[in-house]
């Protein structure tokens, strides 16, 4: 009798887990929309230019590229994120984390521009701003992974997103 009770409990647990493996369709749609928004991150090009200017020890040029391209791109991304409304509870939680991470990144880039305008590349304010941006990027990478766990990208979506030509939500 004890064995039957244990098998029944295991079967019930397996059935409960099977249903839990299927995410809420609203969450899947939220993940798709967030993935599409993430595909339109315009910071890659400007940040490559900023990194190059820093590597060439040209802090004023790096600050100029931050102000002219990277910071406006971060602001546009934040505006798009704030304009979008998730439909599921978990989507709202992810949206809040994502909004905070992108705002942190924007703030870090603004701090970095100010620090570089001081003319020093190896100053404490530059190091602190870079560390803040890295923390924001780590959070964004974690969100990418969570979204992919909810809704794995198909091969063609992955290649479109890698090339920066994803579709918007």
N, C-alpha and C. Protein backbone atom coordinates (compact mmCIF):
# COMPACT_ATOMS: atom_id res chain seq x y z
N UNK A 1 0.82 -1.18 0.00
CA UNK A 1 0.00 0.00 0.00
C UNK A 1 0.87 1.25 0.00
N UNK A 2 1.93 1.24 0.76
CA UNK A 2 2.83 2.38 0.84
C UNK A 2 3.41 2.69 -0.54
N UNK A 3 3.78 1.64 -1.28
CA UNK A 3 4.34 1.80 -2.62
C UNK A 3 3.33 2.45 -3.55
N UNK A 4 2.07 2.08 -3.48
CA UNK A 4 1.01 2.65 -4.32
C UNK A 4 0.84 4.14 -4.02
N UNK A 5 0.88 4.51 -2.78
CA UNK A 5 0.76 5.92 -2.40
C UNK A 5 1.93 6.72 -2.94
N UNK A 6 3.12 6.15 -2.87
CA UNK A 6 4.30 6.84 -3.37
C UNK A 6 4.23 7.00 -4.89
N UNK A 7 3.81 5.96 -5.62
CA UNK A 7 3.69 6.03 -7.07
C UNK A 7 2.61 7.05 -7.48
N UNK A 8 1.53 7.07 -6.73
CA UNK A 8 0.46 8.03 -7.02
C UNK A 8 0.97 9.45 -6.82
N UNK A 9 1.69 9.68 -5.75
CA UNK A 9 2.25 11.01 -5.48
C UNK A 9 3.22 11.42 -6.58
N UNK A 10 4.06 10.49 -7.02
CA UNK A 10 5.00 10.79 -8.10
C UNK A 10 4.28 11.11 -9.40
N UNK A 11 3.22 10.36 -9.69
CA UNK A 11 2.44 10.60 -10.91
C UNK A 11 1.78 11.98 -10.85
N UNK A 12 1.21 12.32 -9.70
CA UNK A 12 0.59 13.65 -9.56
C UNK A 12 1.63 14.76 -9.70
N UNK A 13 2.79 14.56 -9.13
CA UNK A 13 3.87 15.54 -9.25
C UNK A 13 4.29 15.70 -10.71
N UNK A 14 4.41 14.60 -11.43
CA UNK A 14 4.79 14.66 -12.84
C UNK A 14 3.74 15.39 -13.66
N UNK A 15 2.47 15.13 -13.39
CA UNK A 15 1.39 15.82 -14.12
C UNK A 15 1.41 17.30 -13.82
N UNK A 16 1.61 17.65 -12.56
CA UNK A 16 1.65 19.07 -12.19
C UNK A 16 2.83 19.75 -12.86
N UNK A 17 3.97 19.08 -12.94
CA UNK A 17 5.15 19.66 -13.56
C UNK A 17 4.95 19.81 -15.07
N UNK A 18 4.28 18.84 -15.70
CA UNK A 18 4.05 18.92 -17.14
C UNK A 18 3.31 20.21 -17.49
N UNK A 19 2.29 20.55 -16.73
CA UNK A 19 1.55 21.78 -17.00
C UNK A 19 2.39 23.01 -16.72
N UNK A 20 3.28 22.92 -15.75
CA UNK A 20 4.10 24.07 -15.39
C UNK A 20 5.17 24.34 -16.44
N UNK A 21 5.52 23.31 -17.24
CA UNK A 21 6.54 23.50 -18.27
C UNK A 21 6.04 24.37 -19.41
N UNK A 22 4.74 24.45 -19.59
CA UNK A 22 4.16 25.27 -20.66
C UNK A 22 3.91 26.66 -20.11
N UNK A 23 4.64 27.67 -20.61
CA UNK A 23 4.43 29.02 -20.09
C UNK A 23 3.09 29.59 -20.54
N UNK A 24 2.60 30.53 -19.79
CA UNK A 24 1.39 31.27 -20.10
C UNK A 24 1.55 31.88 -21.50
N UNK A 25 0.57 31.72 -22.38
CA UNK A 25 0.68 32.28 -23.73
C UNK A 25 0.91 33.79 -23.74
N UNK A 26 0.36 34.48 -22.73
CA UNK A 26 0.61 35.93 -22.64
C UNK A 26 2.08 36.21 -22.34
N UNK A 27 2.70 35.35 -21.52
CA UNK A 27 4.12 35.50 -21.23
C UNK A 27 4.96 35.24 -22.47
N UNK A 28 4.58 34.24 -23.25
CA UNK A 28 5.30 33.95 -24.50
C UNK A 28 5.21 35.15 -25.44
N UNK A 29 4.03 35.75 -25.52
CA UNK A 29 3.87 36.95 -26.37
C UNK A 29 4.69 38.12 -25.82
N UNK A 30 4.72 38.27 -24.50
CA UNK A 30 5.56 39.31 -23.89
C UNK A 30 7.02 39.08 -24.24
N UNK A 31 7.45 37.82 -24.14
CA UNK A 31 8.85 37.49 -24.46
C UNK A 31 9.16 37.81 -25.91
N UNK A 32 8.25 37.48 -26.82
CA UNK A 32 8.46 37.79 -28.24
C UNK A 32 8.61 39.29 -28.45
N UNK A 33 7.74 40.06 -27.82
CA UNK A 33 7.80 41.52 -27.96
C UNK A 33 9.10 42.08 -27.39
N UNK A 34 9.51 41.58 -26.23
CA UNK A 34 10.76 42.07 -25.63
C UNK A 34 11.96 41.67 -26.49
N UNK A 35 11.94 40.46 -27.05
CA UNK A 35 13.03 40.04 -27.92
C UNK A 35 13.11 40.94 -29.15
N UNK A 36 11.95 41.31 -29.69
CA UNK A 36 11.95 42.19 -30.86
C UNK A 36 12.49 43.58 -30.50
N UNK A 37 12.12 44.09 -29.34
CA UNK A 37 12.66 45.38 -28.91
C UNK A 37 14.17 45.30 -28.68
N UNK A 38 14.62 44.22 -28.06
CA UNK A 38 16.05 44.05 -27.81
C UNK A 38 16.84 43.97 -29.11
N UNK A 39 16.20 43.46 -30.15
CA UNK A 39 16.88 43.32 -31.44
C UNK A 39 17.19 44.69 -32.05
N UNK A 40 16.53 45.72 -31.58
CA UNK A 40 16.74 47.07 -32.12
C UNK A 40 17.60 47.94 -31.21
N UNK A 41 18.51 47.32 -30.49
CA UNK A 41 19.44 48.07 -29.65
C UNK A 41 20.45 48.74 -30.57
N UNK A 42 20.41 50.06 -30.62
CA UNK A 42 21.25 50.83 -31.54
C UNK A 42 22.61 51.20 -30.95
N UNK A 43 22.95 50.66 -29.81
CA UNK A 43 24.18 51.08 -29.12
C UNK A 43 25.44 50.41 -29.64
N UNK A 44 25.33 49.31 -30.34
CA UNK A 44 26.53 48.56 -30.74
C UNK A 44 27.50 49.40 -31.56
N UNK A 45 27.02 50.05 -32.59
CA UNK A 45 27.90 50.87 -33.45
C UNK A 45 28.56 52.01 -32.69
N UNK A 46 27.76 52.86 -32.04
CA UNK A 46 28.37 53.97 -31.30
C UNK A 46 29.33 53.51 -30.20
N UNK A 47 29.00 52.41 -29.51
CA UNK A 47 29.89 51.95 -28.44
C UNK A 47 31.20 51.41 -29.00
N UNK A 48 31.17 50.85 -30.21
CA UNK A 48 32.41 50.42 -30.85
C UNK A 48 33.30 51.63 -31.10
N UNK A 49 32.70 52.73 -31.54
CA UNK A 49 33.45 53.97 -31.77
C UNK A 49 33.99 54.53 -30.46
N UNK A 50 33.19 54.49 -29.41
CA UNK A 50 33.64 54.97 -28.10
C UNK A 50 34.81 54.13 -27.62
N UNK A 51 34.68 52.81 -27.71
CA UNK A 51 35.76 51.91 -27.27
C UNK A 51 37.03 52.18 -28.06
N UNK A 52 36.89 52.41 -29.36
CA UNK A 52 38.06 52.68 -30.20
C UNK A 52 38.74 53.99 -29.77
N UNK A 53 37.95 55.02 -29.52
CA UNK A 53 38.51 56.30 -29.09
C UNK A 53 39.22 56.16 -27.74
N UNK A 54 38.66 55.38 -26.85
CA UNK A 54 39.31 55.16 -25.56
C UNK A 54 40.61 54.39 -25.75
N UNK A 55 40.58 53.35 -26.58
CA UNK A 55 41.79 52.57 -26.84
C UNK A 55 42.89 53.44 -27.46
N UNK A 56 42.49 54.43 -28.25
CA UNK A 56 43.44 55.36 -28.87
C UNK A 56 43.81 56.52 -27.94
N UNK A 57 43.29 56.45 -26.70
CA UNK A 57 43.57 57.46 -25.67
C UNK A 57 43.09 58.84 -26.11
N UNK A 58 41.87 58.89 -26.62
CA UNK A 58 41.25 60.13 -27.08
C UNK A 58 39.95 60.33 -26.30
N UNK A 59 40.05 60.74 -25.03
CA UNK A 59 38.86 60.83 -24.18
C UNK A 59 37.83 61.84 -24.67
N UNK A 60 38.27 62.96 -25.25
CA UNK A 60 37.30 63.96 -25.71
C UNK A 60 36.48 63.43 -26.89
N UNK A 61 37.12 62.69 -27.79
CA UNK A 61 36.40 62.08 -28.91
C UNK A 61 35.43 61.03 -28.38
N UNK A 62 35.85 60.25 -27.41
CA UNK A 62 34.97 59.23 -26.84
C UNK A 62 33.75 59.90 -26.20
N UNK A 63 33.96 60.98 -25.47
CA UNK A 63 32.85 61.71 -24.85
C UNK A 63 31.92 62.28 -25.92
N UNK A 64 32.51 62.79 -26.99
CA UNK A 64 31.69 63.35 -28.08
C UNK A 64 30.83 62.27 -28.71
N UNK A 65 31.38 61.07 -28.94
CA UNK A 65 30.61 59.97 -29.54
C UNK A 65 29.52 59.49 -28.57
N UNK A 66 29.82 59.51 -27.29
CA UNK A 66 28.80 59.16 -26.31
C UNK A 66 27.63 60.14 -26.39
N UNK A 67 27.94 61.42 -26.39
CA UNK A 67 26.89 62.46 -26.40
C UNK A 67 26.13 62.50 -27.72
N UNK A 68 26.83 62.30 -28.83
CA UNK A 68 26.20 62.42 -30.14
C UNK A 68 25.40 61.19 -30.54
N UNK A 69 25.82 60.00 -30.12
CA UNK A 69 25.17 58.80 -30.64
C UNK A 69 24.75 57.79 -29.56
N UNK A 70 25.65 57.44 -28.66
CA UNK A 70 25.35 56.36 -27.72
C UNK A 70 24.27 56.74 -26.71
N UNK A 71 24.39 57.90 -26.10
CA UNK A 71 23.40 58.31 -25.10
C UNK A 71 22.02 58.51 -25.74
N UNK A 72 21.94 59.19 -26.90
CA UNK A 72 20.63 59.28 -27.55
C UNK A 72 20.03 57.91 -27.90
N UNK A 73 20.87 56.97 -28.32
CA UNK A 73 20.38 55.62 -28.63
C UNK A 73 19.85 54.95 -27.36
N UNK A 74 20.55 55.11 -26.25
CA UNK A 74 20.09 54.54 -24.98
C UNK A 74 18.77 55.17 -24.55
N UNK A 75 18.63 56.48 -24.76
CA UNK A 75 17.37 57.15 -24.42
C UNK A 75 16.22 56.66 -25.29
N UNK A 76 16.48 56.47 -26.58
CA UNK A 76 15.43 55.96 -27.48
C UNK A 76 15.00 54.56 -27.06
N UNK A 77 15.97 53.72 -26.70
CA UNK A 77 15.64 52.37 -26.25
C UNK A 77 14.78 52.43 -25.00
N UNK A 78 15.14 53.27 -24.07
CA UNK A 78 14.37 53.40 -22.83
C UNK A 78 12.95 53.90 -23.14
N UNK A 79 12.81 54.83 -24.05
CA UNK A 79 11.47 55.31 -24.44
C UNK A 79 10.64 54.19 -25.04
N UNK A 80 11.25 53.37 -25.90
CA UNK A 80 10.51 52.25 -26.50
C UNK A 80 10.08 51.25 -25.42
N UNK A 81 10.97 50.98 -24.48
CA UNK A 81 10.65 50.04 -23.40
C UNK A 81 9.51 50.60 -22.55
N UNK A 82 9.59 51.87 -22.21
CA UNK A 82 8.56 52.47 -21.37
C UNK A 82 7.21 52.57 -22.07
N UNK A 83 7.21 52.67 -23.39
CA UNK A 83 5.96 52.76 -24.15
C UNK A 83 5.26 51.41 -24.28
N UNK A 84 6.01 50.33 -24.18
CA UNK A 84 5.45 48.99 -24.34
C UNK A 84 4.86 48.51 -23.02
N UNK A 85 3.73 47.82 -23.10
CA UNK A 85 3.08 47.29 -21.90
C UNK A 85 2.95 45.78 -21.99
N UNK A 86 3.56 45.06 -21.06
CA UNK A 86 3.42 43.60 -21.03
C UNK A 86 2.01 43.19 -20.62
N UNK A 87 1.65 41.97 -20.97
CA UNK A 87 0.30 41.46 -20.69
C UNK A 87 0.27 40.48 -19.53
N UNK A 88 1.40 39.90 -19.16
CA UNK A 88 1.42 38.89 -18.10
C UNK A 88 2.12 39.43 -16.85
N UNK A 89 1.86 38.79 -15.73
CA UNK A 89 2.49 39.21 -14.47
C UNK A 89 4.01 39.06 -14.54
N UNK A 90 4.49 37.90 -15.04
CA UNK A 90 5.93 37.71 -15.15
C UNK A 90 6.52 38.67 -16.18
N UNK A 91 5.77 38.94 -17.23
CA UNK A 91 6.21 39.91 -18.24
C UNK A 91 6.40 41.29 -17.62
N UNK A 92 5.50 41.67 -16.71
CA UNK A 92 5.63 42.97 -16.03
C UNK A 92 6.88 43.00 -15.15
N UNK A 93 7.16 41.88 -14.49
CA UNK A 93 8.36 41.79 -13.65
C UNK A 93 9.63 41.91 -14.51
N UNK A 94 9.66 41.18 -15.63
CA UNK A 94 10.81 41.25 -16.53
C UNK A 94 10.94 42.66 -17.13
N UNK A 95 9.82 43.26 -17.48
CA UNK A 95 9.79 44.61 -18.04
C UNK A 95 10.40 45.60 -17.05
N UNK A 96 10.04 45.48 -15.77
CA UNK A 96 10.58 46.37 -14.74
C UNK A 96 12.09 46.20 -14.62
N UNK A 97 12.55 44.95 -14.58
CA UNK A 97 14.01 44.69 -14.50
C UNK A 97 14.73 45.26 -15.72
N UNK A 98 14.14 45.07 -16.87
CA UNK A 98 14.74 45.52 -18.12
C UNK A 98 14.80 47.05 -18.17
N UNK A 99 13.70 47.68 -17.79
CA UNK A 99 13.66 49.15 -17.77
C UNK A 99 14.74 49.69 -16.82
N UNK A 100 14.88 49.07 -15.67
CA UNK A 100 15.91 49.52 -14.71
C UNK A 100 17.32 49.32 -15.27
N UNK A 101 17.55 48.18 -15.93
CA UNK A 101 18.88 47.91 -16.48
C UNK A 101 19.23 48.90 -17.59
N UNK A 102 18.28 49.20 -18.45
CA UNK A 102 18.55 50.14 -19.55
C UNK A 102 18.72 51.55 -19.00
N UNK A 103 17.95 51.93 -17.99
CA UNK A 103 18.13 53.23 -17.35
C UNK A 103 19.49 53.31 -16.68
N UNK A 104 19.91 52.21 -16.04
CA UNK A 104 21.23 52.18 -15.41
C UNK A 104 22.32 52.34 -16.46
N UNK A 105 22.14 51.70 -17.60
CA UNK A 105 23.13 51.81 -18.67
C UNK A 105 23.18 53.23 -19.20
N UNK A 106 22.02 53.83 -19.43
CA UNK A 106 21.98 55.22 -19.90
C UNK A 106 22.69 56.15 -18.90
N UNK A 107 22.39 55.98 -17.62
CA UNK A 107 23.02 56.80 -16.58
C UNK A 107 24.53 56.59 -16.57
N UNK A 108 24.96 55.34 -16.74
CA UNK A 108 26.40 55.04 -16.76
C UNK A 108 27.07 55.73 -17.94
N UNK A 109 26.42 55.72 -19.09
CA UNK A 109 27.00 56.37 -20.27
C UNK A 109 27.08 57.88 -20.07
N UNK A 110 26.08 58.45 -19.44
CA UNK A 110 26.12 59.89 -19.14
C UNK A 110 27.26 60.21 -18.18
N UNK A 111 27.42 59.38 -17.14
CA UNK A 111 28.53 59.57 -16.19
C UNK A 111 29.88 59.41 -16.89
N UNK A 112 29.95 58.43 -17.80
CA UNK A 112 31.19 58.20 -18.53
C UNK A 112 31.54 59.39 -19.41
N UNK A 113 30.55 59.98 -20.06
CA UNK A 113 30.81 61.16 -20.90
C UNK A 113 31.37 62.30 -20.06
N UNK A 114 30.76 62.55 -18.92
CA UNK A 114 31.24 63.62 -18.03
C UNK A 114 32.67 63.32 -17.59
N UNK A 115 32.92 62.08 -17.19
CA UNK A 115 34.26 61.70 -16.72
C UNK A 115 35.29 61.85 -17.82
N UNK A 116 34.97 61.43 -19.04
CA UNK A 116 35.92 61.54 -20.15
C UNK A 116 36.16 62.98 -20.57
N UNK A 117 35.17 63.82 -20.39
CA UNK A 117 35.34 65.25 -20.70
C UNK A 117 36.38 65.90 -19.79
N UNK A 118 36.69 65.23 -18.70
CA UNK A 118 37.76 65.70 -17.81
C UNK A 118 39.14 65.45 -18.40
N UNK A 119 39.20 64.69 -19.50
CA UNK A 119 40.46 64.47 -20.19
C UNK A 119 41.27 63.27 -19.74
N UNK A 120 40.82 62.58 -18.71
CA UNK A 120 41.55 61.42 -18.20
C UNK A 120 40.80 60.14 -18.52
N UNK A 121 41.53 59.15 -19.00
CA UNK A 121 40.92 57.86 -19.29
C UNK A 121 41.01 56.93 -18.08
N UNK A 122 42.07 57.05 -17.31
CA UNK A 122 42.31 56.15 -16.19
C UNK A 122 42.00 56.82 -14.87
N UNK A 123 40.83 57.46 -14.80
CA UNK A 123 40.42 58.12 -13.56
C UNK A 123 39.37 57.27 -12.85
N UNK A 124 39.20 57.52 -11.57
CA UNK A 124 38.20 56.80 -10.79
C UNK A 124 36.79 56.99 -11.35
N UNK A 125 36.39 58.21 -11.73
CA UNK A 125 35.04 58.37 -12.30
C UNK A 125 34.84 57.54 -13.58
N UNK A 126 35.86 57.41 -14.41
CA UNK A 126 35.75 56.59 -15.62
C UNK A 126 35.58 55.13 -15.22
N UNK A 127 36.40 54.66 -14.31
CA UNK A 127 36.33 53.26 -13.87
C UNK A 127 34.96 52.97 -13.26
N UNK A 128 34.44 53.87 -12.44
CA UNK A 128 33.13 53.67 -11.81
C UNK A 128 32.01 53.64 -12.85
N UNK A 129 32.07 54.53 -13.84
CA UNK A 129 31.04 54.56 -14.88
C UNK A 129 31.09 53.28 -15.73
N UNK A 130 32.29 52.83 -16.05
CA UNK A 130 32.43 51.60 -16.83
C UNK A 130 31.90 50.40 -16.02
N UNK A 131 32.18 50.37 -14.73
CA UNK A 131 31.69 49.28 -13.88
C UNK A 131 30.16 49.30 -13.81
N UNK A 132 29.57 50.48 -13.73
CA UNK A 132 28.11 50.60 -13.71
C UNK A 132 27.52 50.11 -15.03
N UNK A 133 28.13 50.47 -16.13
CA UNK A 133 27.62 50.00 -17.42
C UNK A 133 27.74 48.47 -17.51
N UNK A 134 28.83 47.93 -17.03
CA UNK A 134 29.01 46.47 -17.06
C UNK A 134 27.92 45.77 -16.25
N UNK A 135 27.59 46.31 -15.07
CA UNK A 135 26.51 45.71 -14.26
C UNK A 135 25.18 45.75 -15.03
N UNK A 136 24.93 46.86 -15.70
CA UNK A 136 23.69 46.98 -16.49
C UNK A 136 23.69 45.96 -17.63
N UNK A 137 24.81 45.82 -18.30
CA UNK A 137 24.90 44.85 -19.39
C UNK A 137 24.73 43.42 -18.89
N UNK A 138 25.27 43.11 -17.73
CA UNK A 138 25.11 41.77 -17.16
C UNK A 138 23.64 41.47 -16.91
N UNK A 139 22.91 42.46 -16.41
CA UNK A 139 21.47 42.28 -16.18
C UNK A 139 20.74 42.09 -17.50
N UNK A 140 21.11 42.84 -18.52
CA UNK A 140 20.48 42.70 -19.83
C UNK A 140 20.77 41.32 -20.42
N UNK A 141 21.98 40.82 -20.25
CA UNK A 141 22.33 39.48 -20.73
C UNK A 141 21.49 38.43 -19.99
N UNK A 142 21.32 38.59 -18.68
CA UNK A 142 20.48 37.67 -17.92
C UNK A 142 19.04 37.69 -18.43
N UNK A 143 18.55 38.88 -18.76
CA UNK A 143 17.19 38.99 -19.29
C UNK A 143 17.07 38.31 -20.65
N UNK A 144 18.09 38.47 -21.49
CA UNK A 144 18.11 37.76 -22.77
C UNK A 144 17.97 36.25 -22.54
N UNK A 145 18.74 35.73 -21.59
CA UNK A 145 18.71 34.30 -21.30
C UNK A 145 17.33 33.88 -20.79
N UNK A 146 16.74 34.67 -19.92
CA UNK A 146 15.40 34.34 -19.39
C UNK A 146 14.37 34.35 -20.51
N UNK A 147 14.44 35.37 -21.38
CA UNK A 147 13.50 35.44 -22.50
C UNK A 147 13.67 34.24 -23.43
N UNK A 148 14.91 33.85 -23.66
CA UNK A 148 15.17 32.70 -24.52
C UNK A 148 14.67 31.39 -23.88
N UNK A 149 14.68 31.34 -22.56
CA UNK A 149 14.14 30.16 -21.87
C UNK A 149 12.61 30.11 -22.02
N UNK A 150 11.98 31.27 -22.04
CA UNK A 150 10.53 31.35 -22.20
C UNK A 150 10.14 31.06 -23.65
N UNK A 151 10.88 31.68 -24.56
CA UNK A 151 10.57 31.57 -25.99
C UNK A 151 11.88 31.49 -26.76
N UNK A 152 12.37 30.27 -26.99
CA UNK A 152 13.64 30.13 -27.71
C UNK A 152 13.54 30.73 -29.11
N UNK A 153 14.58 31.45 -29.49
CA UNK A 153 14.63 32.03 -30.82
C UNK A 153 14.90 30.93 -31.83
N UNK A 154 14.17 30.99 -32.94
CA UNK A 154 14.44 30.05 -34.04
C UNK A 154 15.70 30.52 -34.75
N UNK A 155 16.28 29.65 -35.56
CA UNK A 155 17.54 29.93 -36.26
C UNK A 155 17.51 31.22 -37.05
N UNK A 156 16.43 31.47 -37.84
CA UNK A 156 16.38 32.68 -38.65
C UNK A 156 16.22 33.93 -37.79
N UNK A 157 15.52 33.81 -36.65
CA UNK A 157 15.41 34.96 -35.75
C UNK A 157 16.76 35.30 -35.14
N UNK A 158 17.50 34.23 -34.75
CA UNK A 158 18.83 34.45 -34.16
C UNK A 158 19.73 35.18 -35.14
N UNK A 159 19.74 34.76 -36.39
CA UNK A 159 20.64 35.38 -37.36
C UNK A 159 20.19 36.80 -37.68
N UNK A 160 18.85 37.04 -37.74
CA UNK A 160 18.35 38.40 -37.97
C UNK A 160 18.73 39.31 -36.81
N UNK A 161 18.59 38.80 -35.59
CA UNK A 161 18.90 39.62 -34.42
C UNK A 161 20.39 39.88 -34.32
N UNK A 162 21.19 38.90 -34.67
CA UNK A 162 22.65 39.07 -34.64
C UNK A 162 23.08 40.13 -35.64
N UNK A 163 22.37 40.23 -36.75
CA UNK A 163 22.72 41.24 -37.75
C UNK A 163 22.09 42.59 -37.47
N UNK A 164 21.21 42.65 -36.44
CA UNK A 164 20.58 43.91 -36.08
C UNK A 164 19.40 44.26 -36.96
N UNK A 165 18.83 43.29 -37.69
CA UNK A 165 17.70 43.59 -38.57
C UNK A 165 16.44 42.89 -38.11
N UNK A 166 16.25 42.79 -36.80
CA UNK A 166 15.05 42.15 -36.27
C UNK A 166 13.83 43.00 -36.53
N UNK A 167 12.66 42.39 -36.37
CA UNK A 167 11.42 43.13 -36.56
C UNK A 167 10.97 43.73 -35.26
N UNK A 168 10.27 44.82 -35.31
CA UNK A 168 9.80 45.45 -34.08
C UNK A 168 8.44 44.89 -33.69
N UNK A 169 8.10 45.00 -32.40
CA UNK A 169 6.84 44.43 -31.92
C UNK A 169 5.65 45.19 -32.45
